[in-house]
Amino acid sequence: MGMEEEKELEELVKKIKTKALREEAKKRGIKTACVKKIDIAKQLPREVLEELSTEK
């Protein structure tokens, strides 16, 4: 992952509520305990992150 992609991902993650991010991760069997938001986000598909970032 390049620096540009990393920055974009960080910006997306800032818009997503932690609870919503963790719920999506759990649906996919991704570990969420003791993991930073950004690390969870890296394991989720991009379209899921974009969808979560637009939810209010």
Protein backbone atom coordinates (compact mmCIF):
# COMPACT_ATOMS: atom_id res chain seq x y z
CA MET A 1 0.00 0.00 0.00
CA GLY A 2 1.45 3.35 -1.04
CA MET A 3 1.58 6.53 1.02
CA GLU A 4 -1.23 8.07 -1.03
CA GLU A 5 -3.52 5.07 -0.46
CA GLU A 6 -2.63 5.07 3.22
CA LYS A 7 -3.66 8.74 3.56
CA GLU A 8 -6.95 8.13 1.71
CA LEU A 9 -7.69 5.18 3.95
CA GLU A 10 -6.97 7.23 7.08
CA GLU A 11 -9.36 9.96 5.90
CA LEU A 12 -12.10 7.40 5.22
CA VAL A 13 -11.61 5.77 8.62
CA LYS A 14 -11.95 9.13 10.41
CA LYS A 15 -15.51 9.38 9.05
CA ILE A 16 -16.51 5.91 10.25
CA LYS A 17 -17.79 5.20 13.73
CA THR A 18 -15.72 2.59 15.54
CA LYS A 19 -18.79 0.55 16.44
CA ALA A 20 -19.89 0.31 12.79
CA LEU A 21 -16.38 -0.67 11.69
CA ARG A 22 -16.16 -3.41 14.33
CA GLU A 23 -19.60 -4.77 13.40
CA GLU A 24 -18.58 -5.09 9.75
CA ALA A 25 -15.32 -6.77 10.74
CA LYS A 26 -17.13 -9.28 12.97
CA LYS A 27 -19.48 -10.21 10.10
CA ARG A 28 -16.39 -11.19 8.13
CA GLY A 29 -14.64 -12.98 10.98
CA ILE A 30 -11.95 -10.31 11.39
CA LYS A 31 -10.46 -9.99 14.87
CA THR A 32 -11.37 -6.67 16.51
CA ALA A 33 -10.01 -6.99 20.05
CA CYS A 34 -6.89 -4.90 20.74
CA VAL A 35 -6.72 -3.77 17.12
CA LYS A 36 -6.57 -0.16 15.89
CA LYS A 37 -9.35 1.17 13.68
CA ILE A 38 -6.95 1.60 10.78
CA ASP A 39 -5.82 -2.04 11.02
CA ILE A 40 -9.42 -3.25 10.93
CA ALA A 41 -10.09 -0.99 7.94
CA LYS A 42 -7.13 -2.42 6.01
CA GLN A 43 -8.75 -5.86 6.19
CA LEU A 44 -12.16 -4.73 4.93
CA PRO A 45 -13.05 -4.28 1.25
CA ARG A 46 -12.75 -0.67 0.02
CA GLU A 47 -16.43 -0.47 -1.01
CA VAL A 48 -17.51 -1.41 2.54
CA LEU A 49 -15.38 1.40 3.98
CA GLU A 50 -16.81 3.90 1.51
CA GLU A 51 -20.34 2.82 2.35
CA LEU A 52 -19.70 3.10 6.11
CA SER A 53 -18.11 6.53 5.73
CA THR A 54 -21.26 7.94 4.13
CA GLU A 55 -23.62 6.63 6.84
CA LYS A 56 -24.75 9.08 9.49
